[in-house]
Protein backbone atom coordinates (compact mmCIF):
# COMPACT_ATOMS: atom_id res chain seq x y z
CA MET A 1 -184.43 129.53 -136.12
CA ALA A 2 -181.54 130.94 -138.47
CA ASP A 3 -178.79 128.78 -139.01
CA THR A 4 -175.66 128.91 -136.69
CA PHE A 5 -173.15 126.89 -138.20
CA ASP A 6 -172.38 125.73 -141.76
CA PHE A 7 -172.20 122.39 -140.77
CA ILE A 8 -172.21 119.98 -137.44
CA LEU A 9 -170.38 116.91 -137.09
CA LYS A 10 -172.62 115.21 -134.78
CA GLY A 11 -171.84 111.81 -132.03
CA GLY A 12 -168.27 111.38 -132.93
CA SER A 13 -165.68 110.70 -130.22
CA VAL A 14 -163.25 113.85 -130.79
CA VAL A 15 -159.57 113.79 -130.22
CA THR A 16 -158.58 117.16 -128.53
CA PRO A 17 -155.88 118.03 -126.58
CA ALA A 18 -157.29 117.10 -123.45
CA GLY A 19 -158.25 113.41 -124.54
CA GLU A 20 -160.82 111.78 -126.57
CA ALA A 21 -164.73 112.78 -125.98
CA MET A 22 -167.93 112.98 -127.22
CA LEU A 23 -168.71 116.20 -128.82
CA ASP A 24 -170.39 117.81 -131.60
CA ILE A 25 -168.42 120.10 -133.85
CA GLY A 26 -169.71 123.57 -135.20
CA VAL A 27 -167.96 124.69 -138.24
CA SER A 28 -168.38 128.21 -139.67
CA GLY A 29 -166.39 130.26 -142.46
CA GLY A 30 -163.83 126.95 -142.26
CA ARG A 31 -162.99 127.26 -138.63
CA ILE A 32 -163.79 125.52 -135.68
CA ALA A 33 -166.89 127.40 -134.12
CA ALA A 34 -168.23 125.67 -131.36
CA LEU A 35 -167.28 122.02 -129.42
CA GLY A 36 -169.91 120.57 -127.00
CA HIS A 37 -173.66 119.12 -127.34
CA LEU A 38 -174.78 121.16 -130.06
CA SER A 39 -179.10 121.17 -131.86
CA PRO A 40 -178.88 119.58 -135.50
CA HIS A 41 -181.21 122.26 -135.42
CA ALA A 42 -178.31 125.21 -135.36
CA ALA A 43 -176.59 124.00 -138.97
CA GLY A 44 -177.54 123.73 -142.51
CA GLU A 45 -176.07 120.35 -142.29
CA THR A 46 -175.56 117.85 -139.77
CA ILE A 47 -172.59 114.80 -140.81
CA ASP A 48 -173.62 111.82 -138.38
CA CYS A 49 -170.36 110.37 -137.27
CA ALA A 50 -171.59 107.82 -134.67
CA GLY A 51 -169.02 104.97 -134.01
CA LEU A 52 -166.45 107.07 -135.61
CA HIS A 53 -163.42 109.28 -134.47
CA ILE A 54 -162.42 112.71 -135.64
CA LEU A 55 -158.89 113.73 -135.46
CA PRO A 56 -157.34 116.91 -136.35
CA GLY A 57 -156.46 116.88 -140.04
CA VAL A 58 -153.64 114.68 -141.05
CA ILE A 59 -150.31 116.74 -142.23
CA ASP A 60 -147.98 114.91 -144.17
CA THR A 61 -144.37 116.73 -144.05
CA GLN A 62 -142.65 114.60 -146.69
CA VAL A 63 -143.97 114.19 -150.05
CA HIS A 64 -142.75 114.31 -153.72
CA PHE A 65 -145.17 114.82 -156.15
CA ARG A 66 -142.96 115.24 -159.10
CA GLU A 67 -144.69 118.57 -160.59
CA PRO A 68 -142.84 120.29 -162.71
CA GLY A 69 -141.05 118.30 -164.94
CA LEU A 70 -142.04 114.48 -164.07
CA GLU A 71 -145.53 114.51 -164.25
CA GLN A 72 -145.11 111.21 -166.06
CA LYS A 73 -144.87 109.74 -162.11
CA GLU A 74 -147.40 112.35 -160.24
CA ASP A 75 -148.94 115.96 -160.14
CA LEU A 76 -150.06 118.04 -157.88
CA GLU A 77 -153.24 117.28 -158.54
CA SER A 78 -152.81 113.38 -158.57
CA GLY A 79 -150.68 113.43 -155.30
CA SER A 80 -153.11 115.79 -153.64
CA ARG A 81 -156.28 113.57 -154.68
CA ALA A 82 -154.33 110.19 -153.39
CA ALA A 83 -153.66 112.58 -149.64
CA VAL A 84 -157.22 113.23 -149.41
CA MET A 85 -158.31 109.80 -150.47
CA GLY A 86 -156.00 108.52 -147.74
CA GLY A 87 -157.41 111.29 -144.68
CA VAL A 88 -154.16 113.84 -145.20
CA THR A 89 -155.44 117.38 -145.33
CA ALA A 90 -152.01 119.03 -145.66
CA VAL A 91 -148.53 118.34 -147.35
CA PHE A 92 -145.18 119.49 -147.57
CA GLU A 93 -143.84 119.13 -150.97
CA MET A 94 -139.98 118.49 -151.64
CA PRO A 95 -137.80 120.62 -154.53
CA ASN A 96 -136.74 117.77 -156.20
CA THR A 97 -138.46 118.48 -159.07
CA ASN A 98 -137.41 119.85 -162.61
CA PRO A 99 -137.04 122.98 -162.35
CA GLN A 100 -135.79 122.33 -158.76
CA THR A 101 -137.61 124.88 -156.30
CA THR A 102 -134.81 127.09 -155.30
CA SER A 103 -135.88 130.53 -156.31
CA ALA A 104 -138.80 132.73 -155.68
CA ALA A 105 -139.87 132.09 -159.00
CA ALA A 106 -139.68 128.72 -159.34
CA LEU A 107 -141.56 128.33 -155.42
CA GLU A 108 -144.33 131.00 -156.96
CA ASP A 109 -144.70 128.89 -160.01
CA LYS A 110 -145.52 125.94 -157.52
CA ILE A 111 -147.60 127.60 -155.71
CA THR A 112 -149.67 129.32 -158.80
CA ARG A 113 -149.93 125.70 -160.13
CA ALA A 114 -151.35 124.49 -156.75
CA ARG A 115 -153.85 126.91 -155.36
CA ASN A 116 -157.14 125.66 -156.30
CA ARG A 117 -156.02 122.50 -158.28
CA MET A 118 -154.61 120.86 -155.04
CA HIS A 119 -157.05 118.91 -153.20
CA CYS A 120 -155.67 119.56 -149.72
CA ASP A 121 -153.48 122.47 -148.45
CA PHE A 122 -149.98 122.62 -149.37
CA ALA A 123 -146.45 124.08 -148.56
CA PHE A 124 -143.11 124.16 -150.35
CA TYR A 125 -139.87 123.36 -149.31
CA VAL A 126 -136.82 125.04 -150.93
CA GLY A 127 -133.86 123.63 -151.72
CA GLY A 128 -130.87 124.53 -150.34
CA THR A 129 -127.70 124.79 -152.74
CA HIS A 130 -124.10 126.55 -152.62
CA GLU A 131 -125.33 128.40 -155.30
CA ASN A 132 -128.82 129.91 -153.48
CA VAL A 133 -127.33 130.34 -150.12
CA ARG A 134 -127.50 134.38 -150.29
CA ASP A 135 -130.97 133.77 -150.99
CA LEU A 136 -132.20 131.25 -148.49
CA PRO A 137 -133.25 133.98 -145.98
CA GLU A 138 -135.55 135.82 -148.19
CA LEU A 139 -136.87 132.52 -149.68
CA GLU A 140 -137.47 130.63 -146.41
CA ARG A 141 -139.99 133.54 -145.35
CA LEU A 142 -142.35 133.60 -148.22
CA PRO A 143 -145.71 132.84 -148.01
CA GLY A 144 -146.45 129.21 -149.07
CA ALA A 145 -142.72 128.23 -148.45
CA ALA A 146 -142.13 124.84 -145.57
CA GLY A 147 -138.46 126.02 -144.77
CA VAL A 148 -135.15 124.84 -146.61
CA LYS A 149 -134.41 121.14 -147.18
CA VAL A 150 -130.98 119.92 -148.10
CA PHE A 151 -129.54 116.75 -149.17
CA ILE A 152 -126.49 116.01 -147.59
CA GLY A 153 -126.33 112.43 -149.24
CA SER A 154 -127.67 112.30 -152.73
CA SER A 155 -131.12 110.69 -153.94
CA THR A 156 -133.81 111.45 -156.66
CA GLY A 157 -132.59 114.65 -158.50
CA SER A 158 -129.51 116.52 -158.50
CA LEU A 159 -129.91 118.41 -155.46
CA LEU A 160 -126.76 117.86 -153.24
CA VAL A 161 -124.81 119.50 -150.49
CA ALA A 162 -122.18 117.39 -149.24
CA ASP A 163 -119.45 119.12 -147.85
CA ASP A 164 -119.55 120.63 -144.36
CA ALA A 165 -118.63 123.95 -145.48
CA GLY A 166 -121.78 124.28 -147.62
CA VAL A 167 -124.06 122.81 -144.84
CA ARG A 168 -122.28 125.40 -142.55
CA GLU A 169 -123.00 128.39 -144.37
CA ILE A 170 -126.71 127.42 -145.21
CA LEU A 171 -127.40 127.00 -141.54
CA LYS A 172 -125.85 130.21 -140.86
CA VAL A 173 -127.64 132.55 -142.61
CA ILE A 174 -131.53 130.92 -142.28
CA ARG A 175 -133.94 131.15 -139.03
CA ARG A 176 -136.44 128.76 -139.61
CA ARG A 177 -136.14 124.61 -138.72
CA ALA A 178 -134.24 123.16 -141.96
CA ALA A 179 -134.99 119.54 -142.97
CA PHE A 180 -131.97 117.24 -143.96
CA HIS A 181 -131.69 114.16 -145.71
CA CYS A 182 -128.91 112.59 -143.86
CA GLU A 183 -126.70 109.94 -145.67
CA ASP A 184 -123.16 110.30 -145.84
CA GLU A 185 -121.89 111.08 -149.56
CA PRO A 186 -118.14 110.23 -149.53
CA ARG A 187 -118.85 106.54 -147.90
CA LEU A 188 -121.90 106.08 -150.04
CA ASN A 189 -119.38 106.59 -152.98
CA GLU A 190 -116.94 104.53 -151.56
CA ARG A 191 -119.15 101.43 -151.16
CA LYS A 192 -120.64 101.76 -154.29
CA SER A 193 -119.16 98.11 -155.31
CA MET A 194 -121.45 96.72 -152.67
CA ARG A 195 -124.46 96.84 -154.76
CA VAL A 196 -125.21 93.42 -156.11
CA ALA A 197 -126.53 93.68 -160.07
CA GLY A 198 -130.30 92.64 -159.52
CA ASN A 199 -130.57 91.96 -155.99
CA PRO A 200 -132.14 95.21 -154.19
CA ALA A 201 -131.44 93.34 -150.93
CA SER A 202 -128.03 94.72 -151.27
CA HIS A 203 -129.38 98.54 -151.48
CA PRO A 204 -129.19 98.75 -147.30
CA VAL A 205 -125.70 97.46 -147.74
CA TRP A 206 -124.40 99.66 -150.05
CA ARG A 207 -126.36 102.46 -148.05
CA ASP A 208 -125.47 101.38 -144.82
CA ASP A 209 -126.35 102.41 -141.05
CA VAL A 210 -122.93 103.41 -140.64
CA ALA A 211 -123.55 106.35 -143.61
CA ALA A 212 -126.58 107.52 -142.15
CA LEU A 213 -124.96 108.19 -138.94
CA ILE A 214 -122.19 109.62 -140.10
CA ALA A 215 -124.23 112.55 -141.56
CA THR A 216 -126.48 112.77 -138.93
CA GLN A 217 -123.60 113.82 -136.26
CA ARG A 218 -121.82 115.47 -138.91
CA LEU A 219 -125.36 117.55 -139.26
CA VAL A 220 -125.56 118.22 -135.31
CA THR A 221 -122.42 118.88 -134.62
CA LEU A 222 -122.58 121.98 -137.03
CA ALA A 223 -126.16 122.90 -136.03
CA ARG A 224 -124.72 123.16 -132.33
CA GLU A 225 -121.88 125.23 -133.93
CA VAL A 226 -123.74 127.70 -135.63
CA GLY A 227 -127.03 127.57 -133.41
CA ALA A 228 -129.46 126.48 -136.09
CA ARG A 229 -132.61 124.03 -135.98
CA VAL A 230 -132.50 121.08 -137.91
CA HIS A 231 -135.06 118.21 -138.83
CA VAL A 232 -133.41 114.98 -140.05
CA LEU A 233 -135.77 113.07 -142.23
CA HIS A 234 -136.57 109.51 -142.03
CA VAL A 235 -134.23 108.29 -139.50
CA THR A 236 -133.75 104.66 -140.33
CA THR A 237 -131.07 103.21 -137.94
CA ALA A 238 -130.76 102.32 -134.14
CA GLN A 239 -127.60 104.14 -134.03
CA GLU A 240 -128.84 107.37 -135.00
CA MET A 241 -131.70 107.09 -132.76
CA GLU A 242 -129.34 106.71 -129.67
CA TYR A 243 -127.30 109.61 -130.90
CA LEU A 244 -130.66 111.82 -131.46
CA ALA A 245 -132.07 111.48 -127.77
CA GLY A 246 -128.84 113.25 -127.04
CA ALA A 247 -129.26 115.75 -129.08
CA ARG A 248 -132.63 117.33 -128.41
CA ASP A 249 -131.44 120.68 -127.95
CA VAL A 250 -131.10 121.51 -131.79
CA ALA A 251 -132.70 118.40 -133.84
CA SER A 252 -136.06 116.92 -134.54
CA VAL A 253 -136.49 113.65 -135.71
CA GLU A 254 -138.65 112.23 -138.37
CA VAL A 255 -140.03 108.68 -138.78
CA THR A 256 -141.71 106.94 -142.04
CA PRO A 257 -144.41 104.19 -142.12
CA HIS A 258 -142.42 101.91 -144.24
CA HIS A 259 -139.83 101.93 -141.98
CA LEU A 260 -141.98 101.15 -139.06
CA THR A 261 -143.66 98.55 -141.01
CA MET A 262 -141.47 96.57 -143.62
CA ALA A 263 -138.10 94.78 -142.79
CA ALA A 264 -135.29 93.30 -144.71
CA PRO A 265 -134.33 90.75 -146.02
CA GLU A 266 -138.43 89.80 -146.13
CA CYS A 267 -139.48 93.13 -148.07
CA TYR A 268 -136.48 92.57 -150.84
CA GLU A 269 -137.65 88.75 -151.47
CA ARG A 270 -141.13 89.92 -151.41
CA LEU A 271 -141.59 92.96 -153.21
CA SER A 272 -137.84 93.51 -155.01
CA THR A 273 -137.27 97.30 -156.29
CA LEU A 274 -141.17 97.80 -155.09
CA ALA A 275 -139.29 98.32 -151.71
CA GLN A 276 -136.25 100.39 -152.52
CA MET A 277 -136.14 103.73 -150.69
CA ASN A 278 -133.55 106.50 -149.73
CA PRO A 279 -132.65 105.60 -146.93
CA PRO A 280 -132.96 102.08 -147.33
CA VAL A 281 -135.20 99.67 -145.39
CA ARG A 282 -133.19 98.07 -142.97
CA GLY A 283 -133.43 94.40 -140.69
CA ALA A 284 -135.81 94.06 -137.72
CA ARG A 285 -133.24 95.52 -135.44
CA HIS A 286 -133.41 98.78 -136.73
CA ARG A 287 -137.08 98.81 -137.15
CA ASP A 288 -137.52 97.96 -133.40
CA ALA A 289 -135.20 100.58 -132.43
CA LEU A 290 -137.56 103.30 -134.17
CA TRP A 291 -140.69 101.78 -132.32
CA ALA A 292 -138.59 102.38 -129.29
CA ALA A 293 -137.66 106.02 -129.55
CA ILE A 294 -141.20 106.86 -130.86
CA ALA A 295 -142.12 105.09 -127.12
CA ASP A 296 -139.64 107.02 -125.42
CA GLY A 297 -140.64 110.36 -127.46
CA VAL A 298 -137.53 110.82 -129.23
CA VAL A 299 -139.48 110.95 -132.49
CA ASP A 300 -141.48 114.39 -133.25
CA VAL A 301 -143.36 113.55 -136.45
CA LEU A 302 -144.38 110.89 -139.18
CA GLY A 303 -143.86 111.76 -142.60
CA SER A 304 -144.76 109.44 -145.60
CA ASP A 305 -141.98 110.65 -148.01
CA HIS A 306 -144.16 109.71 -151.02
CA ALA A 307 -141.80 109.20 -153.85
CA PRO A 308 -143.97 108.08 -156.89
CA HIS A 309 -142.02 106.01 -160.01
CA THR A 310 -143.88 104.22 -162.61
CA LEU A 311 -143.98 100.62 -162.51
CA GLU A 312 -142.05 100.30 -165.59
CA GLU A 313 -139.49 102.20 -164.14
CA LYS A 314 -139.34 100.40 -160.99
CA ALA A 315 -139.11 97.04 -163.15
CA LYS A 316 -135.50 98.15 -163.86
CA PRO A 317 -132.99 95.73 -162.67
CA TYR A 318 -130.99 97.00 -159.56
CA PRO A 319 -129.63 99.23 -159.25
CA GLU A 320 -130.44 100.97 -162.33
CA SER A 321 -134.12 101.14 -160.79
CA PRO A 322 -134.94 103.95 -158.96
CA SER A 323 -135.46 104.51 -154.96
CA GLY A 324 -139.15 105.54 -153.77
CA MET A 325 -142.43 104.31 -153.37
CA THR A 326 -146.15 105.92 -152.76
CA GLY A 327 -147.15 106.21 -149.28
CA VAL A 328 -149.38 109.94 -148.86
CA GLN A 329 -152.48 107.78 -149.45
CA THR A 330 -151.38 104.30 -147.07
CA LEU A 331 -150.08 106.53 -144.23
CA VAL A 332 -153.13 106.75 -142.00
CA PRO A 333 -154.30 103.01 -142.57
CA LEU A 334 -151.29 101.75 -142.13
CA MET A 335 -150.49 103.50 -138.67
CA LEU A 336 -154.22 103.00 -137.35
CA ASP A 337 -153.40 99.39 -138.16
CA HIS A 338 -150.29 99.59 -135.80
CA VAL A 339 -152.69 101.61 -133.26
CA ALA A 340 -155.19 98.54 -133.58
CA ASN A 341 -152.05 96.09 -132.78
CA GLY A 342 -150.82 98.07 -129.65
CA LYS A 343 -148.08 99.49 -131.26
CA LEU A 344 -149.16 102.79 -130.55
CA SER A 345 -151.81 105.16 -128.89
CA LEU A 346 -154.18 106.67 -131.04
CA GLN A 347 -153.51 109.94 -129.02
CA ARG A 348 -149.60 109.22 -129.87
CA PHE A 349 -150.47 108.87 -133.63
CA VAL A 350 -152.43 112.51 -133.60
CA ASP A 351 -149.34 113.94 -131.81
CA LEU A 352 -146.84 112.56 -135.05
CA SER A 353 -149.10 113.36 -137.60
CA SER A 354 -151.36 116.52 -136.57
CA ALA A 355 -149.99 118.36 -133.38
CA GLY A 356 -146.26 117.76 -133.78
CA PRO A 357 -146.22 119.11 -137.45
CA ALA A 358 -148.09 122.20 -136.13
CA ARG A 359 -145.52 122.53 -133.43
CA LEU A 360 -142.50 121.83 -135.19
CA PHE A 361 -143.18 123.92 -138.07
CA ASN A 362 -144.97 126.76 -136.30
CA ILE A 363 -148.04 126.09 -138.45
CA ALA A 364 -151.18 128.53 -137.62
CA CYS A 365 -154.27 127.21 -136.82
CA LYS A 366 -153.89 123.65 -137.48
CA GLY A 367 -152.74 120.55 -136.07
CA ARG A 368 -155.45 120.52 -133.05
CA ILE A 369 -159.28 120.20 -132.41
CA VAL A 370 -159.70 123.47 -130.44
CA LEU A 371 -161.59 126.84 -131.20
CA GLY A 372 -160.71 128.83 -133.87
CA TYR A 373 -158.69 126.52 -135.78
CA ASP A 374 -158.91 125.52 -139.32
CA ALA A 375 -161.85 123.39 -139.43
CA ASP A 376 -159.52 120.24 -140.93
CA PHE A 377 -160.87 116.79 -139.72
CA THR A 378 -159.64 112.98 -140.59
CA VAL A 379 -162.63 111.34 -139.63
CA VAL A 380 -161.80 107.51 -139.45
CA ASP A 381 -163.48 104.39 -138.41
CA LEU A 382 -161.09 102.46 -135.65
CA LYS A 383 -162.59 99.22 -136.05
CA ARG A 384 -163.03 98.95 -140.03
CA ARG A 385 -161.23 95.98 -141.48
CA ALA A 386 -160.21 96.58 -144.98
CA THR A 387 -157.60 95.94 -147.77
CA ILE A 388 -155.27 98.12 -149.26
CA THR A 389 -155.17 97.31 -153.15
CA ASN A 390 -153.42 99.17 -156.03
CA ALA A 391 -156.95 99.88 -157.15
CA TRP A 392 -157.79 101.94 -154.74
CA ILE A 393 -154.43 104.19 -154.93
CA ALA A 394 -155.06 107.65 -156.60
CA SER A 395 -151.44 108.26 -157.53
CA ARG A 396 -150.79 108.50 -160.90
CA ALA A 397 -148.08 105.67 -160.09
CA GLN A 398 -151.23 103.41 -159.62
CA TRP A 399 -149.45 101.10 -157.50
CA THR A 400 -148.72 100.42 -153.21
CA PRO A 401 -146.05 98.04 -151.90
CA TYR A 402 -148.73 97.18 -149.65
CA ASP A 403 -151.56 96.24 -151.97
CA GLY A 404 -153.16 93.03 -150.64
CA LYS A 405 -152.55 94.37 -146.91
CA GLU A 406 -155.47 93.67 -144.45
CA VAL A 407 -155.50 96.63 -142.27
CA THR A 408 -157.76 97.40 -139.20
CA GLY A 409 -158.73 101.14 -139.20
CA TRP A 410 -159.68 103.00 -141.90
CA PRO A 411 -159.96 106.79 -143.12
CA VAL A 412 -163.80 107.53 -143.79
CA GLY A 413 -163.84 111.64 -144.60
CA THR A 414 -161.64 114.24 -144.96
CA PHE A 415 -162.01 117.87 -144.31
CA VAL A 416 -159.69 120.73 -145.20
CA ARG A 417 -160.94 124.46 -143.53
CA GLY A 418 -164.40 123.28 -143.56
CA ASN A 419 -164.80 121.86 -147.16
CA LYS A 420 -165.61 118.38 -147.04
CA VAL A 421 -163.81 116.85 -149.76
CA MET A 422 -163.70 113.05 -149.24
CA TRP A 423 -166.23 110.69 -147.38
CA GLU A 424 -167.07 106.81 -148.44
CA GLY A 425 -163.92 106.91 -150.37
CA GLU A 426 -165.66 109.14 -153.02
CA LEU A 427 -163.81 112.95 -153.55
CA ILE A 428 -166.87 115.01 -153.32
CA ALA A 429 -165.94 118.80 -153.59
CA PRO A 430 -163.68 120.58 -156.29
CA SER A 431 -160.36 121.22 -155.70
CA GLN A 432 -159.71 124.02 -153.12
CA GLY A 433 -156.31 123.52 -151.49
CA ALA A 434 -154.29 126.87 -149.98
CA PRO A 435 -151.40 127.40 -148.77
CA VAL A 436 -150.47 126.24 -145.34
CA ARG A 437 -149.59 129.64 -143.48
CA PHE A 438 -146.92 129.49 -141.02
CA LEU A 439 -146.00 131.65 -137.90
CA GLU A 440 -142.84 132.71 -139.19
CA THR A 441 -144.15 133.80 -142.80
CA LEU A 442 -147.10 135.48 -141.70
CA GLN A 443 -147.62 138.50 -143.86
CA PRO A 444 -149.38 141.54 -143.07
CA GLY A 445 -153.06 141.76 -143.37
CA GLY A 446 -153.00 137.98 -143.79
């Protein structure tokens, strides 16, 4: 009998749009070719998934892989290796590199660097600035572009559009959903004296909840004024979530695993500057509000905001220490641990990490396990207890704030367009990453 499929994933519990079901998955040519009870003789290889869950490939829509210009912290190869080791099959990478991703040439350079060097699929945000606003309608539609990213408040790097006029002009010319870092720059400047030298616990006092709320309110007002779609990254406050629940007409919402898992002041007492992020990890009241927003459906997606710095850099005394932590590799195990602890259902996790990103950003053929879609799978063991360690971290930074944390739920395998990339903690295939395709950027013949 001739082989029908390239391989079959057999005996796993598959999370489909209709729910969980015991199904076999037949893969041919990098696509899902069959779902059902398939004969093992119908494929060149059969992969035993008994006792495992097969999820649609996890899509991390916010990472900073630092290349070009900051490769001592991370590069596209090492960051994507961390991604697939953690079960992530595609990433959206941010523009605050050196040079910044603000032109067609800079975007093409990143795509050239990434193709067949990154282990997962990829897309790159284009930074929106005062200087390139006229070019954005063309830039946002280039192959490999995830859309436009704007910093309303300053963070790592110099990308910043702090004024309403600048944000308005960007929103007026673009057509895709743009992503925003929302902290009010005037308030951040006014409150710099709130920083206490040597005390990172003062970080959320300086970059307070009001600064986040003001910026988010400004953004939504402008989006409604010009009729634009906006995506508010790494929302951290109870006030923002209450406000954004009434802004679903224009605004989508992201939260991060670290804001769902950590709380001040304990995280700063235990981790010092390793817990320092922008926007900051806040108190338990805000963390609880993020979970309530997930339960209420206000949150659309998870993003890791993987933003590595070296331990030497992080060891600088606050506030000279840079904000950022690794996160792409720990997204899946941390969130599966929350599933195990009853904080959310597995189906909700899949919506936040796979179907939600695909729906929100109009990704072609990813985010669901259905016939004809890319064979992207995150294979997990929901019952496996394991400990996250620095030694496991594949990032060039080689550290995680979760070193020593025991979790229930672990990534066993990562498949990218039918390529078995990671299995049981081993990288087992050459890098074959390719640009994510978007419905709004499809090219003739593509």
